[in-house]
Each structure stands twice: as structure tokens, then as C-alpha cells.
Protein backbone atom coordinates (compact mmCIF):
# COMPACT_ATOMS: atom_id res chain seq x y z
CA MET A 1 20.70 -19.12 -17.87
CA HIS A 2 20.03 -21.82 -15.24
CA LEU A 3 18.31 -24.84 -16.98
CA PRO A 4 17.66 -27.58 -14.27
CA LEU A 5 17.42 -31.18 -15.31
CA VAL A 6 14.55 -33.16 -13.56
CA ARG A 7 13.53 -36.39 -15.12
CA GLY A 8 10.34 -36.95 -13.27
CA GLY A 9 8.35 -39.53 -15.19
CA LEU A 10 9.88 -39.14 -18.74
CA SER A 11 10.54 -42.03 -20.87
CA ASP A 12 14.01 -42.82 -21.96
CA TYR A 13 13.44 -41.23 -25.28
CA ASP A 14 11.80 -38.07 -23.85
CA TRP A 15 14.63 -37.87 -21.28
CA ILE A 16 17.17 -38.04 -23.88
CA LEU A 17 15.52 -35.36 -25.85
CA ILE A 18 15.10 -33.20 -22.89
CA VAL A 19 18.97 -33.57 -21.91
CA TYR A 20 19.78 -32.50 -25.60
CA ILE A 21 17.61 -29.50 -25.99
CA THR A 22 18.64 -28.19 -22.47
CA GLY A 23 22.37 -28.40 -23.52
CA ARG A 24 21.72 -26.58 -26.95
CA ALA A 25 19.62 -23.95 -25.10
CA HIS A 26 22.27 -23.32 -22.80
CA ASN A 27 25.00 -23.04 -25.38
CA ILE A 28 22.79 -20.74 -27.56
CA SER A 29 21.85 -18.48 -24.82
CA GLU A 30 25.66 -18.18 -24.05
CA ARG A 31 26.29 -17.01 -27.35
CA ALA A 32 23.41 -14.52 -27.42
CA LEU A 33 24.98 -13.11 -24.35
CA LYS A 34 28.20 -12.78 -25.89
CA LEU A 35 26.84 -11.17 -29.02
CA TYR A 36 24.70 -8.75 -26.67
CA GLY A 37 28.09 -7.72 -24.85
CA ILE A 38 29.62 -6.60 -28.29
CA GLU A 39 26.37 -4.99 -29.51
CA LEU A 40 25.70 -7.24 -32.40
CA TRP A 41 22.08 -6.91 -32.10
CA ARG A 42 20.77 -8.62 -34.92
CA GLU A 43 23.01 -11.69 -34.28
CA ALA A 44 21.98 -11.42 -30.73
CA CYS A 45 18.39 -11.43 -31.68
CA ASP A 46 18.65 -14.42 -33.87
CA ALA A 47 20.37 -16.32 -31.07
CA SER A 48 17.77 -14.99 -28.46
CA GLU A 49 14.89 -16.19 -30.64
CA GLU A 50 16.30 -19.72 -30.98
CA THR A 51 16.85 -19.78 -27.22
CA VAL A 52 13.16 -18.71 -26.67
CA GLN A 53 12.17 -21.87 -29.06
CA LEU A 54 14.19 -24.36 -27.34
CA CYS A 55 12.99 -23.15 -23.74
CA GLY A 56 9.43 -23.15 -25.06
CA GLN A 57 9.87 -27.05 -26.05
CA LEU A 58 11.38 -27.45 -22.54
CA TYR A 59 8.49 -25.61 -21.06
CA ALA A 60 5.85 -27.54 -22.89
CA ALA A 61 7.19 -30.89 -21.56
CA GLN A 62 7.83 -29.85 -18.03
CA PRO A 63 6.15 -26.24 -17.24
CA ASP A 64 6.90 -26.13 -13.64
CA THR A 65 10.67 -26.87 -14.10
CA TYR A 66 11.27 -24.58 -17.20
CA CYS A 67 8.87 -21.75 -16.48
CA ALA A 68 11.73 -19.48 -15.23
CA ALA A 69 14.03 -20.32 -18.06
CA LEU A 70 11.43 -19.38 -20.47
CA ALA A 71 10.65 -16.17 -18.94
CA HIS A 72 14.35 -15.31 -18.73
CA SER A 73 14.81 -16.06 -22.36
CA LEU A 74 11.68 -13.87 -23.25
CA TYR A 75 13.02 -10.99 -21.18
CA ASN A 76 16.29 -11.08 -22.99
CA LEU A 77 14.68 -11.37 -26.32
CA GLY A 78 12.56 -8.25 -25.47
CA THR A 79 15.58 -6.52 -24.58
CA VAL A 80 17.51 -7.24 -27.82
CA LEU A 81 14.34 -6.42 -29.91
CA GLY A 82 14.39 -2.95 -28.04
CA LYS A 83 17.73 -2.36 -29.10
CA LEU A 84 16.80 -3.02 -32.63
CA GLU A 85 13.97 -0.44 -32.07
CA LEU A 86 11.24 -3.13 -33.02
CA TRP A 87 9.00 -1.70 -30.31
CA GLN A 88 5.92 -3.85 -31.26
CA GLU A 89 7.75 -6.99 -31.30
CA ALA A 90 9.15 -6.10 -28.05
CA ARG A 91 5.87 -5.45 -26.45
CA VAL A 92 4.60 -8.62 -27.34
CA THR A 93 7.58 -10.42 -25.99
CA ASP A 94 7.52 -8.55 -22.83
CA GLN A 95 4.00 -9.22 -22.12
CA GLU A 96 4.77 -12.91 -22.18
CA ALA A 97 7.86 -12.39 -20.00
CA VAL A 98 5.60 -10.38 -17.52
CA ARG A 99 2.83 -13.03 -17.60
CA LEU A 100 5.45 -15.79 -16.62
CA HIS A 101 7.22 -13.87 -14.16
CA ARG A 102 3.86 -13.01 -12.45
CA GLN A 103 3.17 -16.81 -12.11
CA LEU A 104 6.54 -17.36 -10.57
CA TYR A 105 6.12 -14.47 -8.30
CA ALA A 106 2.64 -15.52 -7.23
CA THR A 107 4.37 -18.84 -5.69
CA GLN A 108 7.73 -17.58 -4.84
CA PRO A 109 7.63 -13.95 -4.33
CA ASP A 110 11.09 -13.47 -2.46
CA ALA A 111 12.70 -15.36 -5.37
CA TYR A 112 11.03 -13.64 -8.18
CA ARG A 113 10.15 -10.03 -6.88
CA ALA A 114 13.24 -8.60 -8.82
CA ASN A 115 12.68 -10.61 -12.07
CA LEU A 116 9.08 -9.55 -12.27
CA ALA A 117 10.21 -5.81 -11.53
CA GLN A 118 12.87 -6.07 -14.16
CA SER A 119 10.29 -7.56 -16.82
CA LEU A 120 7.74 -4.74 -15.86
CA ASN A 121 10.29 -1.98 -16.20
CA ASN A 122 11.34 -3.40 -19.59
CA PHE A 123 7.73 -3.54 -20.62
CA GLY A 124 7.03 0.08 -19.62
CA ASP A 125 10.13 1.36 -21.45
CA HIS A 126 8.76 -0.16 -24.70
CA LEU A 127 5.32 0.95 -24.26
CA GLY A 128 6.60 4.48 -23.86
CA GLU A 129 8.62 4.18 -27.07
CA LEU A 130 5.22 3.21 -28.64
CA GLU A 131 3.65 6.39 -27.09
CA LEU A 132 1.36 4.22 -24.86
CA TRP A 133 1.88 6.67 -21.92
CA HIS A 134 -1.08 5.48 -19.77
CA GLU A 135 -0.12 1.71 -20.23
CA ALA A 136 3.79 2.47 -19.55
CA CYS A 137 3.01 4.21 -16.33
CA ASP A 138 0.79 1.42 -15.27
CA ALA A 139 3.81 -1.10 -15.87
CA VAL A 140 6.51 1.17 -14.52
CA LYS A 141 4.41 2.01 -11.46
CA GLU A 142 3.98 -1.63 -10.56
CA ALA A 143 7.90 -2.08 -11.18
CA ILE A 144 8.49 0.81 -8.71
CA GLN A 145 6.46 -0.81 -6.21
CA LEU A 146 8.25 -3.88 -6.35
CA ARG A 147 11.73 -2.32 -6.34
CA GLN A 148 10.64 -0.18 -3.28
CA GLN A 149 10.03 -3.39 -1.44
CA LEU A 150 13.41 -4.63 -2.54
CA TYR A 151 15.10 -1.19 -1.78
CA ALA A 152 13.59 -1.41 1.87
CA THR A 153 15.46 -4.40 2.61
CA HIS A 154 18.76 -4.28 0.36
CA PRO A 155 19.02 -0.43 -0.52
CA ASP A 156 22.74 -0.73 -1.64
CA ALA A 157 21.81 -3.47 -4.06
CA TYR A 158 18.72 -1.84 -5.47
CA ARG A 159 19.12 1.85 -5.40
CA ALA A 160 20.17 2.23 -8.90
CA ASP A 161 17.27 -0.04 -10.03
CA LEU A 162 14.71 1.86 -8.12
CA ALA A 163 16.21 5.21 -9.51
CA GLN A 164 16.01 3.89 -13.02
CA SER A 165 12.21 2.91 -12.76
CA LEU A 166 11.24 6.09 -11.01
CA TYR A 167 13.14 8.32 -13.91
CA ASN A 168 11.12 6.33 -16.54
CA PHE A 169 8.08 6.91 -14.54
CA GLY A 170 8.65 10.74 -14.40
CA ILE A 171 9.26 10.86 -18.26
CA ASN A 172 5.98 9.00 -18.84
CA LEU A 173 4.12 11.14 -16.32
CA ALA A 174 5.35 14.32 -18.13
CA LYS A 175 4.17 13.05 -21.50
CA LEU A 176 0.73 12.86 -19.90
CA GLU A 177 1.16 16.46 -18.46
CA LEU A 178 0.84 15.33 -15.00
CA TRP A 179 3.55 17.74 -14.04
CA GLN A 180 3.19 17.55 -10.08
CA GLU A 181 3.51 13.81 -10.20
CA ALA A 182 6.35 13.98 -12.49
CA CYS A 183 8.13 16.58 -10.32
CA ASN A 184 7.70 14.37 -7.27
CA ALA A 185 9.16 11.44 -9.12
CA GLY A 186 12.02 13.56 -10.48
CA GLU A 187 12.75 14.74 -6.72
CA GLU A 188 13.11 11.38 -5.66
CA VAL A 189 15.30 10.36 -8.61
CA VAL A 190 17.71 13.20 -7.82
CA GLN A 191 17.83 12.19 -4.06
CA LEU A 192 18.69 8.42 -5.29
CA HIS A 193 21.24 9.64 -7.66
CA ARG A 194 22.81 11.93 -5.19
CA GLN A 195 23.35 8.86 -2.82
CA LEU A 196 24.90 6.95 -5.79
CA TYR A 197 27.11 9.75 -6.76
CA ALA A 198 28.36 10.01 -3.47
CA THR A 199 29.99 6.64 -3.33
CA GLN A 200 30.63 5.97 -7.17
CA PRO A 201 31.07 9.86 -8.61
CA ASP A 202 32.50 8.59 -11.91
CA ALA A 203 29.88 5.98 -12.53
CA TYR A 204 26.96 8.12 -11.68
CA ARG A 205 27.90 11.87 -12.62
CA ALA A 206 26.04 11.77 -15.88
CA ASP A 207 22.94 10.24 -14.29
CA LEU A 208 22.84 12.96 -11.63
CA ALA A 209 23.15 15.52 -14.11
CA GLN A 210 20.47 14.20 -16.23
CA SER A 211 18.14 13.88 -13.55
CA PHE A 212 18.60 17.50 -12.39
CA HIS A 213 18.18 18.51 -16.05
CA ASN A 214 14.73 16.53 -16.17
CA LEU A 215 13.58 17.96 -12.95
CA GLY A 216 14.39 21.48 -14.08
CA THR A 217 12.37 21.02 -17.36
């Protein structure tokens, strides 16, 4: 996690406090990442929650400097809460991550388009787990629009992300019994997974098979 240090007009005491909190937030976030990597979800959740608290303190002192860090830490916490199947808690956390990423995107769209899309996709996934299909569709649809913009300029970098969002969108549409729209999304997923499979068959064989299965059902 990138945690910048900008003193601005802070007093000596406040500056020392900011430096301390920044260092601790960095260390705890690194620990959370390692725990996530070995699938220790409860421990990763505890570390992620502490990171959010620390980043929240930094944001309260210097909102412009630490908005991105807080948004990122909230996104990570929402992801871990999802791994623990704590869907309602994940939903609340995701909402805040989306809100902050919207603020960042409003002033720096090119820098934060991918982050906002990622947060929206996560949000939609967790809304779907709560069977809030309409809300899930709205979130994922917005993620798709952003990822289509990214894919248009960097197709190789964002093909898999776009396929993921379209896959989720198709599932939510099917839950709403919007069969034609779900079929359209499914066809696009198959097309993208074909392209991914052509260059990385071992990595995307299962995804292509799953997208064919979903399209058939």
C-alpha cells in the first residue's frame, strides 16, 4: 500500500504522529497481505480492520493525502469479509470503498478508473450473495462500463477483468430471469475467454469451460 508523507502545515507533534501511524499502517497492511496469500482469512481480517482504522486516522488528519489509502484498505477488508462469507459486513465496507473511489475518480479519472471498477465489481459480487439482484446488476454494470473503457485502450491488460465482470453480470441477470440479456453477456464472456485461452490455455481452460456451461444453461 502506498502511504505518502506530506507534512503541510502540521505541528511537530502532529507530524511525528502521522509518521508513526503511517509506518504502522504500512507494516500491518503487509502482514494482512501475507495472511491473505496463505488463506488465513480470520487473521487477515483482523489485520485488515486495523489497517482501515489507521488509514482512517490518517484520512481524518489529511483527507486529500490519504483518501486513496483508506479506499484501498476498505477494498481489501471487503474482500476478506467476503472470504469469510460475512456478506452484510462486506456490503457496508464495499459501499464506503466505492464512495471514496468515486471521489478520487471524479478528480483523476485516468488514475482511478481501474480502482473504481474493481470496487464496484466487488460490491456487486457481495450484493449478489445477499440476493439483492437488482442492486448487484447496477454495480456490476457500472464496473463493466469502466472496464470496457480500460479494455479499449489496453485490451491485453484488462481482458480478464472485463470477462469477470460480464460473467458476474450474466449470473445476476439470470437470477432476474432476464434471459436474453444474460445470454448476450454470456456470449461476450465466451468470446473473451476464447481469446484468453488462445494465449494461456492452462490458465483459462476452466474459465472457458465454465462460460460455455453457463451459456448453455
